[in-house]
Structure formats: structure tokens, C-alpha cells
């Protein structure tokens, strides 16, 4: 399966014709509680990741939430 993830073309071995978004994020090593996902230009609610199919040629942007700040 060929996907564009965060601007990079990636080939992911998958015997099925699609990945469920939740499974793909796990496969890629993302922690679900720390990311925001855009699939083909649409932000996808975490509530529907388990039912959202990612297919060959899809484009994903995965933004990781990072805590922190500065102390003066």
C-alpha cells in the first residue's frame, strides 16, 4: 500500500486493500491520545478512527501534540 504521510511517500506492507485508521496509527508507532489526524484534507475525529478506512493512495497528515513551555 502506498500512502503519503506528512509529505513523504511511504510503502506499507498490508495484505488487505485498506487499513483502519486506528490500526495504521498503531502500526506506525503513534500514541492515539497525542495526535491529530487529517485524511485527504479532512480532520478525522478520534471517535471514528476505528471505522475509517485508509486506502492505497491516501494522504495523511499526523500532527503530534507536544507538551512544554518556558519558565521565566
PDB file of N, CA and C in Angstrom:
ATOM      1  N   UNK A   1       0.853  -1.169   0.000  1.00  0.00           N
ATOM      2  CA  UNK A   1       0.000   0.000   0.000  1.00  0.00           C
ATOM      3  C   UNK A   1       0.901   1.235   0.000  1.00  0.00           C
ATOM      4  N   UNK A   2       0.607   2.173  -0.899  1.00  0.00           N
ATOM      5  CA  UNK A   2       1.364   3.415  -0.983  1.00  0.00           C
ATOM      6  C   UNK A   2       0.543   4.552  -0.392  1.00  0.00           C
ATOM      7  N   UNK A   3       1.132   5.258   0.562  1.00  0.00           N
ATOM      8  CA  UNK A   3       0.473   6.378   1.233  1.00  0.00           C
ATOM      9  C   UNK A   3       1.418   7.570   1.260  1.00  0.00           C
ATOM     10  N   UNK A   4       0.851   8.751   1.328  1.00  0.00           N
ATOM     11  CA  UNK A   4       1.641   9.948   1.556  1.00  0.00           C
ATOM     12  C   UNK A   4       1.375  10.352   3.003  1.00  0.00           C
ATOM     13  N   UNK A   5       2.403  10.268   3.841  1.00  0.00           N
ATOM     14  CA  UNK A   5       2.261  10.560   5.265  1.00  0.00           C
ATOM     15  C   UNK A   5       3.193  11.711   5.613  1.00  0.00           C
ATOM     16  N   UNK A   6       2.600  12.807   6.066  1.00  0.00           N
ATOM     17  CA  UNK A   6       3.359  14.010   6.414  1.00  0.00           C
ATOM     18  C   UNK A   6       4.299  14.434   5.278  1.00  0.00           C
ATOM     19  N   UNK A   7       3.784  14.369   4.061  1.00  0.00           N
ATOM     20  CA  UNK A   7       4.522  14.827   2.897  1.00  0.00           C
ATOM     21  C   UNK A   7       5.483  13.830   2.286  1.00  0.00           C
ATOM     22  N   UNK A   8       5.649  12.658   2.903  1.00  0.00           N
ATOM     23  CA  UNK A   8       6.569  11.642   2.396  1.00  0.00           C
ATOM     24  C   UNK A   8       5.800  10.458   1.846  1.00  0.00           C
ATOM     25  N   UNK A   9       6.213   9.962   0.682  1.00  0.00           N
ATOM     26  CA  UNK A   9       5.616   8.752   0.133  1.00  0.00           C
ATOM     27  C   UNK A   9       6.157   7.554   0.891  1.00  0.00           C
ATOM     28  N   UNK A  10       5.252   6.702   1.354  1.00  0.00           N
ATOM     29  CA  UNK A  10       5.657   5.515   2.107  1.00  0.00           C
ATOM     30  C   UNK A  10       4.931   4.303   1.552  1.00  0.00           C
ATOM     31  N   UNK A  11       5.623   3.192   1.536  1.00  0.00           N
ATOM     32  CA  UNK A  11       5.031   1.918   1.157  1.00  0.00           C
ATOM     33  C   UNK A  11       4.912   1.081   2.418  1.00  0.00           C
ATOM     34  N   UNK A  12       3.699   0.620   2.683  1.00  0.00           N
ATOM     35  CA  UNK A  12       3.436  -0.164   3.894  1.00  0.00           C
ATOM     36  C   UNK A  12       2.890  -1.517   3.476  1.00  0.00           C
ATOM     37  N   UNK A  13       3.511  -2.584   3.975  1.00  0.00           N
ATOM     38  CA  UNK A  13       3.039  -3.925   3.660  1.00  0.00           C
ATOM     39  C   UNK A  13       1.700  -4.164   4.330  1.00  0.00           C
ATOM     40  N   UNK A  14       0.728  -4.552   3.515  1.00  0.00           N
ATOM     41  CA  UNK A  14      -0.608  -4.847   4.025  1.00  0.00           C
ATOM     42  C   UNK A  14      -1.291  -5.746   3.019  1.00  0.00           C
ATOM     43  N   UNK A  15      -1.752  -6.912   3.463  1.00  0.00           N
ATOM     44  CA  UNK A  15      -2.388  -7.852   2.551  1.00  0.00           C
ATOM     45  C   UNK A  15      -3.837  -7.469   2.243  1.00  0.00           C
ATOM     46  N   UNK A  16      -4.403  -6.553   3.033  1.00  0.00           N
ATOM     47  CA  UNK A  16      -5.770  -6.106   2.787  1.00  0.00           C
ATOM     48  C   UNK A  16      -5.758  -4.920   1.839  1.00  0.00           C
ATOM     49  N   UNK A  17      -6.918  -4.545   1.334  1.00  0.00           N
ATOM     50  CA  UNK A  17      -6.987  -3.394   0.431  1.00  0.00           C
ATOM     51  C   UNK A  17      -7.064  -2.078   1.187  1.00  0.00           C
ATOM     52  N   UNK A  18      -7.183  -2.137   2.527  1.00  0.00           N
ATOM     53  CA  UNK A  18      -7.217  -0.921   3.337  1.00  0.00           C
ATOM     54  C   UNK A  18      -6.703  -1.217   4.734  1.00  0.00           C
ATOM     55  N   UNK A  19      -6.402  -0.160   5.467  1.00  0.00           N
ATOM     56  CA  UNK A  19      -6.088  -0.197   6.895  1.00  0.00           C
ATOM     57  C   UNK A  19      -7.193   0.563   7.601  1.00  0.00           C
ATOM     58  N   UNK A  20      -7.575   0.147   8.775  1.00  0.00           N
ATOM     59  CA  UNK A  20      -8.400   1.013   9.611  1.00  0.00           C
ATOM     60  C   UNK A  20      -7.448   2.041  10.216  1.00  0.00           C
ATOM     61  N   UNK A  21      -7.876   3.301  10.265  1.00  0.00           N
ATOM     62  CA  UNK A  21      -7.007   4.382  10.710  1.00  0.00           C
ATOM     63  C   UNK A  21      -6.387   4.094  12.066  1.00  0.00           C
ATOM     64  N   UNK A  22      -7.178   3.604  12.994  1.00  0.00           N
ATOM     65  CA  UNK A  22      -6.668   3.304  14.336  1.00  0.00           C
ATOM     66  C   UNK A  22      -5.530   2.284  14.267  1.00  0.00           C
ATOM     67  N   UNK A  23      -5.684   1.249  13.443  1.00  0.00           N
ATOM     68  CA  UNK A  23      -4.657   0.221  13.304  1.00  0.00           C
ATOM     69  C   UNK A  23      -3.413   0.764  12.612  1.00  0.00           C
ATOM     70  N   UNK A  24      -3.608   1.623  11.620  1.00  0.00           N
ATOM     71  CA  UNK A  24      -2.471   2.209  10.922  1.00  0.00           C
ATOM     72  C   UNK A  24      -1.635   3.077  11.858  1.00  0.00           C
ATOM     73  N   UNK A  25      -2.296   3.891  12.661  1.00  0.00           N
ATOM     74  CA  UNK A  25      -1.566   4.746  13.608  1.00  0.00           C
ATOM     75  C   UNK A  25      -0.757   3.895  14.578  1.00  0.00           C
ATOM     76  N   UNK A  26      -1.350   2.807  15.043  1.00  0.00           N
ATOM     77  CA  UNK A  26      -0.633   1.888  15.933  1.00  0.00           C
ATOM     78  C   UNK A  26       0.562   1.267  15.203  1.00  0.00           C
ATOM     79  N   UNK A  27       0.346   0.844  13.973  1.00  0.00           N
ATOM     80  CA  UNK A  27       1.405   0.233  13.156  1.00  0.00           C
ATOM     81  C   UNK A  27       2.568   1.203  12.960  1.00  0.00           C
ATOM     82  N   UNK A  28       2.255   2.480  12.815  1.00  0.00           N
ATOM     83  CA  UNK A  28       3.278   3.496  12.604  1.00  0.00           C
ATOM     84  C   UNK A  28       3.927   3.976  13.903  1.00  0.00           C
ATOM     85  N   UNK A  29       3.396   3.527  15.047  1.00  0.00           N
ATOM     86  CA  UNK A  29       4.002   3.849  16.334  1.00  0.00           C
ATOM     87  C   UNK A  29       3.503   5.127  16.992  1.00  0.00           C
ATOM     88  N   UNK A  30       2.394   5.668  16.507  1.00  0.00           N
ATOM     89  CA  UNK A  30       1.837   6.876  17.126  1.00  0.00           C
ATOM     90  C   UNK A  30       1.004   6.519  18.344  1.00  0.00           C
ATOM     91  N   UNK A  31       1.007   7.402  19.341  1.00  0.00           N
ATOM     92  CA  UNK A  31       0.154   7.246  20.517  1.00  0.00           C
ATOM     93  C   UNK A  31      -1.138   8.008  20.238  1.00  0.00           C
ATOM     94  N   UNK A  32      -2.257   7.327  20.142  1.00  0.00           N
ATOM     95  CA  UNK A  32      -3.523   7.949  19.721  1.00  0.00           C
ATOM     96  C   UNK A  32      -3.936   9.169  20.532  1.00  0.00           C
ATOM     97  N   UNK A  33      -3.622   9.191  21.808  1.00  0.00           N
ATOM     98  CA  UNK A  33      -4.046  10.316  22.640  1.00  0.00           C
ATOM     99  C   UNK A  33      -3.211  11.566  22.396  1.00  0.00           C
ATOM    100  N   UNK A  34      -2.138  11.446  21.601  1.00  0.00           N
ATOM    101  CA  UNK A  34      -1.233  12.567  21.383  1.00  0.00           C
ATOM    102  C   UNK A  34      -1.182  13.056  19.939  1.00  0.00           C
ATOM    103  N   UNK A  35      -2.139  12.649  19.093  1.00  0.00           N
ATOM    104  CA  UNK A  35      -2.088  13.063  17.692  1.00  0.00           C
ATOM    105  C   UNK A  35      -3.423  13.618  17.198  1.00  0.00           C
ATOM    106  N   UNK A  36      -3.315  14.439  16.177  1.00  0.00           N
ATOM    107  CA  UNK A  36      -4.456  14.919  15.406  1.00  0.00           C
ATOM    108  C   UNK A  36      -4.209  14.418  13.990  1.00  0.00           C
ATOM    109  N   UNK A  37      -5.243  13.872  13.348  1.00  0.00           N
ATOM    110  CA  UNK A  37      -5.067  13.259  12.040  1.00  0.00           C
ATOM    111  C   UNK A  37      -5.947  13.931  10.993  1.00  0.00           C
ATOM    112  N   UNK A  38      -5.322  14.228   9.864  1.00  0.00           N
ATOM    113  CA  UNK A  38      -6.036  14.736   8.695  1.00  0.00           C
ATOM    114  C   UNK A  38      -5.886  13.687   7.601  1.00  0.00           C
ATOM    115  N   UNK A  39      -7.007  13.261   7.037  1.00  0.00           N
ATOM    116  CA  UNK A  39      -7.009  12.264   5.972  1.00  0.00           C
ATOM    117  C   UNK A  39      -7.597  12.896   4.724  1.00  0.00           C
ATOM    118  N   UNK A  40      -6.795  12.994   3.686  1.00  0.00           N
ATOM    119  CA  UNK A  40      -7.224  13.602   2.417  1.00  0.00           C
ATOM    120  C   UNK A  40      -7.857  14.973   2.625  1.00  0.00           C
ATOM    121  N   UNK A  41      -7.225  15.775   3.495  1.00  0.00           N
ATOM    122  CA  UNK A  41      -7.664  17.148   3.698  1.00  0.00           C
ATOM    123  C   UNK A  41      -8.759  17.345   4.722  1.00  0.00           C
ATOM    124  N   UNK A  42      -9.198  16.285   5.384  1.00  0.00           N
ATOM    125  CA  UNK A  42     -10.273  16.382   6.373  1.00  0.00           C
ATOM    126  C   UNK A  42      -9.786  15.876   7.735  1.00  0.00           C
ATOM    127  N   UNK A  43      -9.970  16.697   8.771  1.00  0.00           N
ATOM    128  CA  UNK A  43      -9.595  16.261  10.123  1.00  0.00           C
ATOM    129  C   UNK A  43     -10.574  15.173  10.558  1.00  0.00           C
ATOM    130  N   UNK A  44     -10.019  14.086  11.065  1.00  0.00           N
ATOM    131  CA  UNK A  44     -10.825  12.927  11.454  1.00  0.00           C
ATOM    132  C   UNK A  44     -10.904  12.849  12.977  1.00  0.00           C
ATOM    133  N   UNK A  45     -12.117  12.814  13.503  1.00  0.00           N
ATOM    134  CA  UNK A  45     -12.331  12.698  14.944  1.00  0.00           C
ATOM    135  C   UNK A  45     -11.838  11.335  15.438  1.00  0.00           C
ATOM    136  N   UNK A  46     -11.149  11.317  16.573  1.00  0.00           N
ATOM    137  CA  UNK A  46     -10.695  10.037  17.127  1.00  0.00           C
ATOM    138  C   UNK A  46     -11.834   9.035  17.356  1.00  0.00           C
ATOM    139  N   UNK A  47     -13.037   9.528  17.537  1.00  0.00           N
ATOM    140  CA  UNK A  47     -14.188   8.643  17.766  1.00  0.00           C
ATOM    141  C   UNK A  47     -14.478   7.746  16.572  1.00  0.00           C
ATOM    142  N   UNK A  48     -14.067   8.148  15.374  1.00  0.00           N
ATOM    143  CA  UNK A  48     -14.376   7.348  14.183  1.00  0.00           C
ATOM    144  C   UNK A  48     -13.145   6.670  13.571  1.00  0.00           C
ATOM    145  N   UNK A  49     -11.994   6.768  14.233  1.00  0.00           N
ATOM    146  CA  UNK A  49     -10.790   6.130  13.705  1.00  0.00           C
ATOM    147  C   UNK A  49     -10.982   4.636  13.495  1.00  0.00           C
ATOM    148  N   UNK A  50     -11.708   3.971  14.375  1.00  0.00           N
ATOM    149  CA  UNK A  50     -11.890   2.524  14.289  1.00  0.00           C
ATOM    150  C   UNK A  50     -12.694   2.126  13.052  1.00  0.00           C
ATOM    151  N   UNK A  51     -13.476   3.061  12.482  1.00  0.00           N
ATOM    152  CA  UNK A  51     -14.295   2.764  11.307  1.00  0.00           C
ATOM    153  C   UNK A  51     -13.793   3.449  10.038  1.00  0.00           C
ATOM    154  N   UNK A  52     -12.708   4.227  10.132  1.00  0.00           N
ATOM    155  CA  UNK A  52     -12.216   4.988   8.988  1.00  0.00           C
ATOM    156  C   UNK A  52     -11.193   4.157   8.217  1.00  0.00           C
ATOM    157  N   UNK A  53     -11.479   3.938   6.927  1.00  0.00           N
ATOM    158  CA  UNK A  53     -10.592   3.143   6.088  1.00  0.00           C
ATOM    159  C   UNK A  53      -9.569   4.031   5.395  1.00  0.00           C
ATOM    160  N   UNK A  54      -8.310   3.619   5.470  1.00  0.00           N
ATOM    161  CA  UNK A  54      -7.227   4.279   4.761  1.00  0.00           C
ATOM    162  C   UNK A  54      -6.851   3.353   3.605  1.00  0.00           C
ATOM    163  N   UNK A  55      -6.924   3.893   2.379  1.00  0.00           N
ATOM    164  CA  UNK A  55      -6.710   3.082   1.191  1.00  0.00           C
ATOM    165  C   UNK A  55      -5.460   3.522   0.427  1.00  0.00           C
ATOM    166  N   UNK A  56      -5.036   2.676  -0.470  1.00  0.00           N
ATOM    167  CA  UNK A  56      -3.883   2.966  -1.318  1.00  0.00           C
ATOM    168  C   UNK A  56      -4.045   4.336  -1.970  1.00  0.00           C
ATOM    169  N   UNK A  57      -2.998   5.150  -1.882  1.00  0.00           N
ATOM    170  CA  UNK A  57      -3.006   6.471  -2.494  1.00  0.00           C
ATOM    171  C   UNK A  57      -3.507   7.587  -1.600  1.00  0.00           C
ATOM    172  N   UNK A  58      -3.993   7.260  -0.407  1.00  0.00           N
ATOM    173  CA  UNK A  58      -4.491   8.290   0.502  1.00  0.00           C
ATOM    174  C   UNK A  58      -3.347   9.146   1.039  1.00  0.00           C
ATOM    175  N   UNK A  59      -3.718  10.344   1.501  1.00  0.00           N
ATOM    176  CA  UNK A  59      -2.761  11.304   2.037  1.00  0.00           C
ATOM    177  C   UNK A  59      -3.116  11.601   3.491  1.00  0.00           C
ATOM    178  N   UNK A  60      -2.161  11.385   4.387  1.00  0.00           N
ATOM    179  CA  UNK A  60      -2.364  11.629   5.811  1.00  0.00           C
ATOM    180  C   UNK A  60      -1.393  12.683   6.319  1.00  0.00           C
ATOM    181  N   UNK A  61      -1.895  13.528   7.185  1.00  0.00           N
ATOM    182  CA  UNK A  61      -1.052  14.431   7.963  1.00  0.00           C
ATOM    183  C   UNK A  61      -1.301  14.054   9.419  1.00  0.00           C
ATOM    184  N   UNK A  62      -0.248  13.695  10.121  1.00  0.00           N
ATOM    185  CA  UNK A  62      -0.362  13.303  11.524  1.00  0.00           C
ATOM    186  C   UNK A  62       0.452  14.312  12.331  1.00  0.00           C
ATOM    187  N   UNK A  63      -0.242  15.064  13.172  1.00  0.00           N
ATOM    188  CA  UNK A  63       0.402  16.088  13.986  1.00  0.00           C
ATOM    189  C   UNK A  63       0.471  15.587  15.420  1.00  0.00           C
ATOM    190  N   UNK A  64       1.679  15.539  15.960  1.00  0.00           N
ATOM    191  CA  UNK A  64       1.876  15.090  17.330  1.00  0.00           C
ATOM    192  C   UNK A  64       1.804  16.286  18.271  1.00  0.00           C
ATOM    193  N   UNK A  65       1.041  16.134  19.330  1.00  0.00           N
ATOM    194  CA  UNK A  65       0.912  17.168  20.350  1.00  0.00           C
ATOM    195  C   UNK A  65       2.083  17.015  21.310  1.00  0.00           C
ATOM    196  N   UNK A  66       2.807  18.103  21.504  1.00  0.00           N
ATOM    197  CA  UNK A  66       3.976  18.084  22.379  1.00  0.00           C
ATOM    198  C   UNK A  66       3.746  19.086  23.511  1.00  0.00           C
ATOM    199  N   UNK A  67       3.888  18.615  24.727  1.00  0.00           N
ATOM    200  CA  UNK A  67       3.745  19.497  25.876  1.00  0.00           C
ATOM    201  C   UNK A  67       5.029  20.263  26.131  1.00  0.00           C
ATOM    202  N   UNK A  68       4.901  21.271  26.905  1.00  0.00           N
ATOM    203  CA  UNK A  68       6.107  22.017  27.254  1.00  0.00           C
ATOM    204  C   UNK A  68       5.798  23.498  27.381  1.00  0.00           C
ATOM    205  N   UNK A  69       6.815  24.236  27.417  1.00  0.00           N
ATOM    206  CA  UNK A  69       6.683  25.680  27.562  1.00  0.00           C
ATOM    207  C   UNK A  69       7.987  26.206  28.135  1.00  0.00           C
ATOM    208  N   UNK A  70       7.950  27.435  28.520  1.00  0.00           N
ATOM    209  CA  UNK A  70       9.172  28.003  29.091  1.00  0.00           C
ATOM    210  C   UNK A  70       8.843  28.626  30.438  1.00  0.00           C
ATOM    211  N   UNK A  71       9.824  28.594  31.273  1.00  0.00           N
ATOM    212  CA  UNK A  71       9.692  29.196  32.590  1.00  0.00           C
ATOM    213  C   UNK A  71      10.628  30.406  32.645  1.00  0.00           C
ATOM    214  N   UNK A  72      10.142  31.507  33.123  1.00  0.00           N
ATOM    215  CA  UNK A  72      10.987  32.695  33.200  1.00  0.00           C
ATOM    216  C   UNK A  72      11.438  32.941  34.615  1.00  0.00           C
TER     217      UNK A  72
END
